[in-house]
């Protein structure tokens, strides 16, 4: 599996895998392979979401500090 696959592409592929499994795949090896691929995609999506969540937290804190600094400067003028 590619490591730098886009989140949206991973999610779409995951949906395809779920749909395929729900239709009743009869080949046990194929089921295991699809499940393994899906598990990897879930892990990849979770990692990407965690990265994005962390980035949003950092940006929010920077924005709050910037806003607080601006308010502090305006109070003393």
PDB file of N, CA and C in Angstrom:
ATOM      1  N   UNK A   1       0.843  -1.194   0.000  1.00  0.00           N
ATOM      2  CA  UNK A   1       0.000   0.000   0.000  1.00  0.00           C
ATOM      3  C   UNK A   1       0.879   1.245   0.000  1.00  0.00           C
ATOM      4  N   UNK A   2       0.514   2.250  -0.756  1.00  0.00           N
ATOM      5  CA  UNK A   2       1.247   3.507  -0.808  1.00  0.00           C
ATOM      6  C   UNK A   2       1.072   4.261   0.500  1.00  0.00           C
ATOM      7  N   UNK A   3       2.165   4.880   0.959  1.00  0.00           N
ATOM      8  CA  UNK A   3       2.099   5.623   2.217  1.00  0.00           C
ATOM      9  C   UNK A   3       1.533   7.028   2.013  1.00  0.00           C
ATOM     10  N   UNK A   4       1.762   7.632   0.856  1.00  0.00           N
ATOM     11  CA  UNK A   4       1.356   9.021   0.640  1.00  0.00           C
ATOM     12  C   UNK A   4       0.040   9.144  -0.119  1.00  0.00           C
ATOM     13  N   UNK A   5      -0.803   8.158   0.000  1.00  0.00           N
ATOM     14  CA  UNK A   5      -2.102   8.210  -0.670  1.00  0.00           C
ATOM     15  C   UNK A   5      -2.984   9.254   0.022  1.00  0.00           C
ATOM     16  N   UNK A   6      -3.747   9.981  -0.744  1.00  0.00           N
ATOM     17  CA  UNK A   6      -4.618  11.017  -0.181  1.00  0.00           C
ATOM     18  C   UNK A   6      -5.678  10.396   0.718  1.00  0.00           C
ATOM     19  N   UNK A   7      -6.067  11.149   1.744  1.00  0.00           N
ATOM     20  CA  UNK A   7      -7.081  10.691   2.689  1.00  0.00           C
ATOM     21  C   UNK A   7      -8.362  10.320   1.957  1.00  0.00           C
ATOM     22  N   UNK A   8      -8.789  11.173   1.039  1.00  0.00           N
ATOM     23  CA  UNK A   8     -10.034  10.951   0.317  1.00  0.00           C
ATOM     24  C   UNK A   8      -9.975   9.672  -0.516  1.00  0.00           C
ATOM     25  N   UNK A   9      -8.807   9.419  -1.124  1.00  0.00           N
ATOM     26  CA  UNK A   9      -8.642   8.203  -1.921  1.00  0.00           C
ATOM     27  C   UNK A   9      -8.670   6.962  -1.030  1.00  0.00           C
ATOM     28  N   UNK A  10      -8.033   7.068   0.136  1.00  0.00           N
ATOM     29  CA  UNK A  10      -8.052   5.953   1.093  1.00  0.00           C
ATOM     30  C   UNK A  10      -9.474   5.660   1.543  1.00  0.00           C
ATOM     31  N   UNK A  11     -10.213   6.706   1.840  1.00  0.00           N
ATOM     32  CA  UNK A  11     -11.589   6.542   2.301  1.00  0.00           C
ATOM     33  C   UNK A  11     -12.460   5.918   1.212  1.00  0.00           C
ATOM     34  N   UNK A  12     -12.268   6.365  -0.024  1.00  0.00           N
ATOM     35  CA  UNK A  12     -13.039   5.811  -1.139  1.00  0.00           C
ATOM     36  C   UNK A  12     -12.728   4.326  -1.319  1.00  0.00           C
ATOM     37  N   UNK A  13     -11.452   3.987  -1.255  1.00  0.00           N
ATOM     38  CA  UNK A  13     -11.067   2.579  -1.404  1.00  0.00           C
ATOM     39  C   UNK A  13     -11.629   1.747  -0.256  1.00  0.00           C
ATOM     40  N   UNK A  14     -11.609   2.305   0.938  1.00  0.00           N
ATOM     41  CA  UNK A  14     -12.163   1.608   2.097  1.00  0.00           C
ATOM     42  C   UNK A  14     -13.654   1.341   1.903  1.00  0.00           C
ATOM     43  N   UNK A  15     -14.368   2.316   1.368  1.00  0.00           N
ATOM     44  CA  UNK A  15     -15.793   2.131   1.085  1.00  0.00           C
ATOM     45  C   UNK A  15     -16.009   1.031   0.048  1.00  0.00           C
ATOM     46  N   UNK A  16     -15.132   0.983  -0.959  1.00  0.00           N
ATOM     47  CA  UNK A  16     -15.227  -0.064  -1.979  1.00  0.00           C
ATOM     48  C   UNK A  16     -15.007  -1.444  -1.360  1.00  0.00           C
ATOM     49  N   UNK A  17     -14.031  -1.529  -0.463  1.00  0.00           N
ATOM     50  CA  UNK A  17     -13.742  -2.806   0.198  1.00  0.00           C
ATOM     51  C   UNK A  17     -14.934  -3.259   1.024  1.00  0.00           C
ATOM     52  N   UNK A  18     -15.506  -2.341   1.790  1.00  0.00           N
ATOM     53  CA  UNK A  18     -16.674  -2.681   2.616  1.00  0.00           C
ATOM     54  C   UNK A  18     -17.815  -3.163   1.730  1.00  0.00           C
ATOM     55  N   UNK A  19     -18.060  -2.446   0.644  1.00  0.00           N
ATOM     56  CA  UNK A  19     -19.137  -2.835  -0.273  1.00  0.00           C
ATOM     57  C   UNK A  19     -18.888  -4.229  -0.851  1.00  0.00           C
ATOM     58  N   UNK A  20     -17.649  -4.487  -1.232  1.00  0.00           N
ATOM     59  CA  UNK A  20     -17.302  -5.799  -1.780  1.00  0.00           C
ATOM     60  C   UNK A  20     -17.520  -6.896  -0.749  1.00  0.00           C
ATOM     61  N   UNK A  21     -17.078  -6.655   0.472  1.00  0.00           N
ATOM     62  CA  UNK A  21     -17.243  -7.660   1.523  1.00  0.00           C
ATOM     63  C   UNK A  21     -18.713  -7.873   1.872  1.00  0.00           C
ATOM     64  N   UNK A  22     -19.499  -6.814   1.813  1.00  0.00           N
ATOM     65  CA  UNK A  22     -20.928  -6.927   2.131  1.00  0.00           C
ATOM     66  C   UNK A  22     -21.700  -7.699   1.064  1.00  0.00           C
ATOM     67  N   UNK A  23     -21.186  -7.729  -0.153  1.00  0.00           N
ATOM     68  CA  UNK A  23     -21.885  -8.449  -1.221  1.00  0.00           C
ATOM     69  C   UNK A  23     -21.677  -9.949  -1.122  1.00  0.00           C
ATOM     70  N   UNK A  24     -20.768 -10.361  -0.258  1.00  0.00           N
ATOM     71  CA  UNK A  24     -20.587 -11.791  -0.030  1.00  0.00           C
ATOM     72  C   UNK A  24     -19.508 -12.421  -0.872  1.00  0.00           C
ATOM     73  N   UNK A  25     -18.288 -12.037  -0.666  1.00  0.00           N
ATOM     74  CA  UNK A  25     -17.155 -12.661  -1.340  1.00  0.00           C
ATOM     75  C   UNK A  25     -17.019 -14.084  -0.805  1.00  0.00           C
ATOM     76  N   UNK A  26     -16.859 -15.043  -1.709  1.00  0.00           N
ATOM     77  CA  UNK A  26     -16.810 -16.442  -1.283  1.00  0.00           C
ATOM     78  C   UNK A  26     -15.392 -16.974  -1.126  1.00  0.00           C
ATOM     79  N   UNK A  27     -14.421 -16.322  -1.726  1.00  0.00           N
ATOM     80  CA  UNK A  27     -13.034 -16.780  -1.662  1.00  0.00           C
ATOM     81  C   UNK A  27     -12.396 -16.279  -0.367  1.00  0.00           C
ATOM     82  N   UNK A  28     -12.065 -17.212   0.504  1.00  0.00           N
ATOM     83  CA  UNK A  28     -11.528 -16.866   1.819  1.00  0.00           C
ATOM     84  C   UNK A  28     -10.235 -16.057   1.713  1.00  0.00           C
ATOM     85  N   UNK A  29      -9.362 -16.424   0.790  1.00  0.00           N
ATOM     86  CA  UNK A  29      -8.112 -15.677   0.618  1.00  0.00           C
ATOM     87  C   UNK A  29      -8.389 -14.231   0.212  1.00  0.00           C
ATOM     88  N   UNK A  30      -9.364 -14.043  -0.660  1.00  0.00           N
ATOM     89  CA  UNK A  30      -9.725 -12.679  -1.090  1.00  0.00           C
ATOM     90  C   UNK A  30     -10.289 -11.888   0.087  1.00  0.00           C
ATOM     91  N   UNK A  31     -11.101 -12.521   0.906  1.00  0.00           N
ATOM     92  CA  UNK A  31     -11.666 -11.854   2.082  1.00  0.00           C
ATOM     93  C   UNK A  31     -10.545 -11.386   3.003  1.00  0.00           C
ATOM     94  N   UNK A  32      -9.593 -12.276   3.259  1.00  0.00           N
ATOM     95  CA  UNK A  32      -8.476 -11.930   4.147  1.00  0.00           C
ATOM     96  C   UNK A  32      -7.652 -10.796   3.551  1.00  0.00           C
ATOM     97  N   UNK A  33      -7.383 -10.858   2.245  1.00  0.00           N
ATOM     98  CA  UNK A  33      -6.607  -9.800   1.590  1.00  0.00           C
ATOM     99  C   UNK A  33      -7.325  -8.457   1.654  1.00  0.00           C
ATOM    100  N   UNK A  34      -8.624  -8.472   1.404  1.00  0.00           N
ATOM    101  CA  UNK A  34      -9.399  -7.232   1.475  1.00  0.00           C
ATOM    102  C   UNK A  34      -9.437  -6.691   2.900  1.00  0.00           C
ATOM    103  N   UNK A  35      -9.603  -7.584   3.855  1.00  0.00           N
ATOM    104  CA  UNK A  35      -9.625  -7.169   5.259  1.00  0.00           C
ATOM    105  C   UNK A  35      -8.281  -6.566   5.658  1.00  0.00           C
ATOM    106  N   UNK A  36      -7.202  -7.183   5.212  1.00  0.00           N
ATOM    107  CA  UNK A  36      -5.860  -6.675   5.510  1.00  0.00           C
ATOM    108  C   UNK A  36      -5.649  -5.297   4.882  1.00  0.00           C
ATOM    109  N   UNK A  37      -6.053  -5.157   3.633  1.00  0.00           N
ATOM    110  CA  UNK A  37      -5.931  -3.857   2.960  1.00  0.00           C
ATOM    111  C   UNK A  37      -6.770  -2.805   3.681  1.00  0.00           C
ATOM    112  N   UNK A  38      -7.984  -3.176   4.034  1.00  0.00           N
ATOM    113  CA  UNK A  38      -8.867  -2.253   4.745  1.00  0.00           C
ATOM    114  C   UNK A  38      -8.300  -1.835   6.087  1.00  0.00           C
ATOM    115  N   UNK A  39      -7.712  -2.774   6.803  1.00  0.00           N
ATOM    116  CA  UNK A  39      -7.104  -2.457   8.101  1.00  0.00           C
ATOM    117  C   UNK A  39      -5.974  -1.447   7.941  1.00  0.00           C
ATOM    118  N   UNK A  40      -5.172  -1.632   6.907  1.00  0.00           N
ATOM    119  CA  UNK A  40      -4.093  -0.684   6.632  1.00  0.00           C
ATOM    120  C   UNK A  40      -4.626   0.696   6.286  1.00  0.00           C
ATOM    121  N   UNK A  41      -5.702   0.726   5.520  1.00  0.00           N
ATOM    122  CA  UNK A  41      -6.309   2.007   5.151  1.00  0.00           C
ATOM    123  C   UNK A  41      -6.890   2.718   6.367  1.00  0.00           C
ATOM    124  N   UNK A  42      -7.521   1.962   7.257  1.00  0.00           N
ATOM    125  CA  UNK A  42      -8.069   2.552   8.487  1.00  0.00           C
ATOM    126  C   UNK A  42      -6.939   3.162   9.306  1.00  0.00           C
ATOM    127  N   UNK A  43      -5.844   2.432   9.441  1.00  0.00           N
ATOM    128  CA  UNK A  43      -4.701   2.938  10.202  1.00  0.00           C
ATOM    129  C   UNK A  43      -4.146   4.203   9.554  1.00  0.00           C
ATOM    130  N   UNK A  44      -4.010   4.187   8.246  1.00  0.00           N
ATOM    131  CA  UNK A  44      -3.501   5.346   7.515  1.00  0.00           C
ATOM    132  C   UNK A  44      -4.417   6.558   7.690  1.00  0.00           C
ATOM    133  N   UNK A  45      -5.722   6.340   7.593  1.00  0.00           N
ATOM    134  CA  UNK A  45      -6.690   7.433   7.768  1.00  0.00           C
ATOM    135  C   UNK A  45      -6.636   7.981   9.190  1.00  0.00           C
ATOM    136  N   UNK A  46      -6.538   7.099  10.176  1.00  0.00           N
ATOM    137  CA  UNK A  46      -6.453   7.550  11.566  1.00  0.00           C
ATOM    138  C   UNK A  46      -5.195   8.376  11.809  1.00  0.00           C
ATOM    139  N   UNK A  47      -4.072   7.945  11.237  1.00  0.00           N
ATOM    140  CA  UNK A  47      -2.825   8.700  11.377  1.00  0.00           C
ATOM    141  C   UNK A  47      -2.964  10.082  10.748  1.00  0.00           C
ATOM    142  N   UNK A  48      -3.549  10.132   9.570  1.00  0.00           N
ATOM    143  CA  UNK A  48      -3.731  11.412   8.877  1.00  0.00           C
ATOM    144  C   UNK A  48      -4.647  12.328   9.680  1.00  0.00           C
ATOM    145  N   UNK A  49      -5.735  11.792  10.216  1.00  0.00           N
ATOM    146  CA  UNK A  49      -6.654  12.600  11.025  1.00  0.00           C
ATOM    147  C   UNK A  49      -5.967  13.121  12.285  1.00  0.00           C
ATOM    148  N   UNK A  50      -5.127  12.301  12.899  1.00  0.00           N
ATOM    149  CA  UNK A  50      -4.387  12.732  14.085  1.00  0.00           C
ATOM    150  C   UNK A  50      -3.431  13.865  13.731  1.00  0.00           C
ATOM    151  N   UNK A  51      -2.738  13.743  12.603  1.00  0.00           N
ATOM    152  CA  UNK A  51      -1.836  14.807  12.151  1.00  0.00           C
ATOM    153  C   UNK A  51      -2.604  16.108  11.928  1.00  0.00           C
ATOM    154  N   UNK A  52      -3.736  16.010  11.279  1.00  0.00           N
ATOM    155  CA  UNK A  52      -4.547  17.193  10.995  1.00  0.00           C
ATOM    156  C   UNK A  52      -5.073  17.800  12.289  1.00  0.00           C
ATOM    157  N   UNK A  53      -5.521  16.963  13.201  1.00  0.00           N
ATOM    158  CA  UNK A  53      -6.018  17.428  14.497  1.00  0.00           C
ATOM    159  C   UNK A  53      -4.920  18.180  15.251  1.00  0.00           C
ATOM    160  N   UNK A  54      -3.708  17.626  15.259  1.00  0.00           N
ATOM    161  CA  UNK A  54      -2.584  18.281  15.929  1.00  0.00           C
ATOM    162  C   UNK A  54      -2.251  19.619  15.277  1.00  0.00           C
ATOM    163  N   UNK A  55      -2.280  19.656  13.969  1.00  0.00           N
ATOM    164  CA  UNK A  55      -1.987  20.895  13.247  1.00  0.00           C
ATOM    165  C   UNK A  55      -3.030  21.963  13.569  1.00  0.00           C
ATOM    166  N   UNK A  56      -4.294  21.570  13.624  1.00  0.00           N
ATOM    167  CA  UNK A  56      -5.368  22.513  13.952  1.00  0.00           C
ATOM    168  C   UNK A  56      -5.193  23.047  15.368  1.00  0.00           C
ATOM    169  N   UNK A  57      -4.802  22.184  16.303  1.00  0.00           N
ATOM    170  CA  UNK A  57      -4.565  22.630  17.679  1.00  0.00           C
ATOM    171  C   UNK A  57      -3.448  23.662  17.734  1.00  0.00           C
ATOM    172  N   UNK A  58      -2.345  23.401  17.028  1.00  0.00           N
ATOM    173  CA  UNK A  58      -1.221  24.338  16.999  1.00  0.00           C
ATOM    174  C   UNK A  58      -1.658  25.669  16.399  1.00  0.00           C
ATOM    175  N   UNK A  59      -2.368  25.617  15.286  1.00  0.00           N
ATOM    176  CA  UNK A  59      -2.819  26.848  14.637  1.00  0.00           C
ATOM    177  C   UNK A  59      -3.802  27.614  15.516  1.00  0.00           C
ATOM    178  N   UNK A  60      -4.678  26.905  16.203  1.00  0.00           N
ATOM    179  CA  UNK A  60      -5.642  27.558  17.096  1.00  0.00           C
ATOM    180  C   UNK A  60      -4.935  28.252  18.247  1.00  0.00           C
ATOM    181  N   UNK A  61      -3.923  27.595  18.815  1.00  0.00           N
ATOM    182  CA  UNK A  61      -3.165  28.201  19.911  1.00  0.00           C
ATOM    183  C   UNK A  61      -2.429  29.444  19.438  1.00  0.00           C
ATOM    184  N   UNK A  62      -1.836  29.380  18.241  1.00  0.00           N
ATOM    185  CA  UNK A  62      -1.158  30.552  17.681  1.00  0.00           C
ATOM    186  C   UNK A  62      -2.142  31.699  17.486  1.00  0.00           C
ATOM    187  N   UNK A  63      -3.321  31.378  16.989  1.00  0.00           N
ATOM    188  CA  UNK A  63      -4.339  32.394  16.762  1.00  0.00           C
ATOM    189  C   UNK A  63      -4.783  33.014  18.077  1.00  0.00           C
ATOM    190  N   UNK A  64      -4.969  32.196  19.105  1.00  0.00           N
ATOM    191  CA  UNK A  64      -5.368  32.706  20.420  1.00  0.00           C
ATOM    192  C   UNK A  64      -4.292  33.610  21.001  1.00  0.00           C
ATOM    193  N   UNK A  65      -3.028  33.204  20.877  1.00  0.00           N
ATOM    194  CA  UNK A  65      -1.926  34.028  21.385  1.00  0.00           C
ATOM    195  C   UNK A  65      -1.863  35.350  20.636  1.00  0.00           C
ATOM    196  N   UNK A  66      -2.022  35.286  19.331  1.00  0.00           N
ATOM    197  CA  UNK A  66      -1.989  36.493  18.513  1.00  0.00           C
ATOM    198  C   UNK A  66      -3.132  37.423  18.886  1.00  0.00           C
ATOM    199  N   UNK A  67      -4.298  36.856  19.075  1.00  0.00           N
ATOM    200  CA  UNK A  67      -5.472  37.643  19.434  1.00  0.00           C
ATOM    201  C   UNK A  67      -5.296  38.250  20.825  1.00  0.00           C
ATOM    202  N   UNK A  68      -4.757  37.481  21.761  1.00  0.00           N
ATOM    203  CA  UNK A  68      -4.517  37.979  23.118  1.00  0.00           C
ATOM    204  C   UNK A  68      -3.494  39.099  23.103  1.00  0.00           C
ATOM    205  N   UNK A  69      -2.450  38.948  22.301  1.00  0.00           N
ATOM    206  CA  UNK A  69      -1.413  39.977  22.207  1.00  0.00           C
ATOM    207  C   UNK A  69      -1.988  41.262  21.625  1.00  0.00           C
ATOM    208  N   UNK A  70      -2.829  41.147  20.618  1.00  0.00           N
ATOM    209  CA  UNK A  70      -3.445  42.330  20.018  1.00  0.00           C
ATOM    210  C   UNK A  70      -4.347  43.035  21.018  1.00  0.00           C
ATOM    211  N   UNK A  71      -5.115  42.281  21.776  1.00  0.00           N
ATOM    212  CA  UNK A  71      -5.990  42.884  22.785  1.00  0.00           C
ATOM    213  C   UNK A  71      -5.167  43.571  23.856  1.00  0.00           C
ATOM    214  N   UNK A  72      -4.079  42.956  24.258  1.00  0.00           N
ATOM    215  CA  UNK A  72      -3.211  43.535  25.274  1.00  0.00           C
ATOM    216  C   UNK A  72      -2.589  44.833  24.806  1.00  0.00           C
ATOM    217  N   UNK A  73      -2.176  44.903  23.558  1.00  0.00           N
ATOM    218  CA  UNK A  73      -1.579  46.119  23.011  1.00  0.00           C
ATOM    219  C   UNK A  73      -2.615  47.228  22.921  1.00  0.00           C
ATOM    220  N   UNK A  74      -3.825  46.893  22.534  1.00  0.00           N
ATOM    221  CA  UNK A  74      -4.869  47.898  22.377  1.00  0.00           C
ATOM    222  C   UNK A  74      -5.318  48.466  23.713  1.00  0.00           C
ATOM    223  N   UNK A  75      -5.230  47.693  24.789  1.00  0.00           N
ATOM    224  CA  UNK A  75      -5.665  48.165  26.100  1.00  0.00           C
ATOM    225  C   UNK A  75      -4.767  49.276  26.628  1.00  0.00           C
ATOM    226  N   UNK A  76      -3.503  49.284  26.229  1.00  0.00           N
ATOM    227  CA  UNK A  76      -2.553  50.248  26.768  1.00  0.00           C
ATOM    228  C   UNK A  76      -2.347  51.448  25.858  1.00  0.00           C
ATOM    229  N   UNK A  77      -3.083  51.548  24.787  1.00  0.00           N
ATOM    230  CA  UNK A  77      -2.910  52.686  23.873  1.00  0.00           C
ATOM    231  C   UNK A  77      -3.863  53.798  24.198  1.00  0.00           C
TER     232      UNK A  77
END
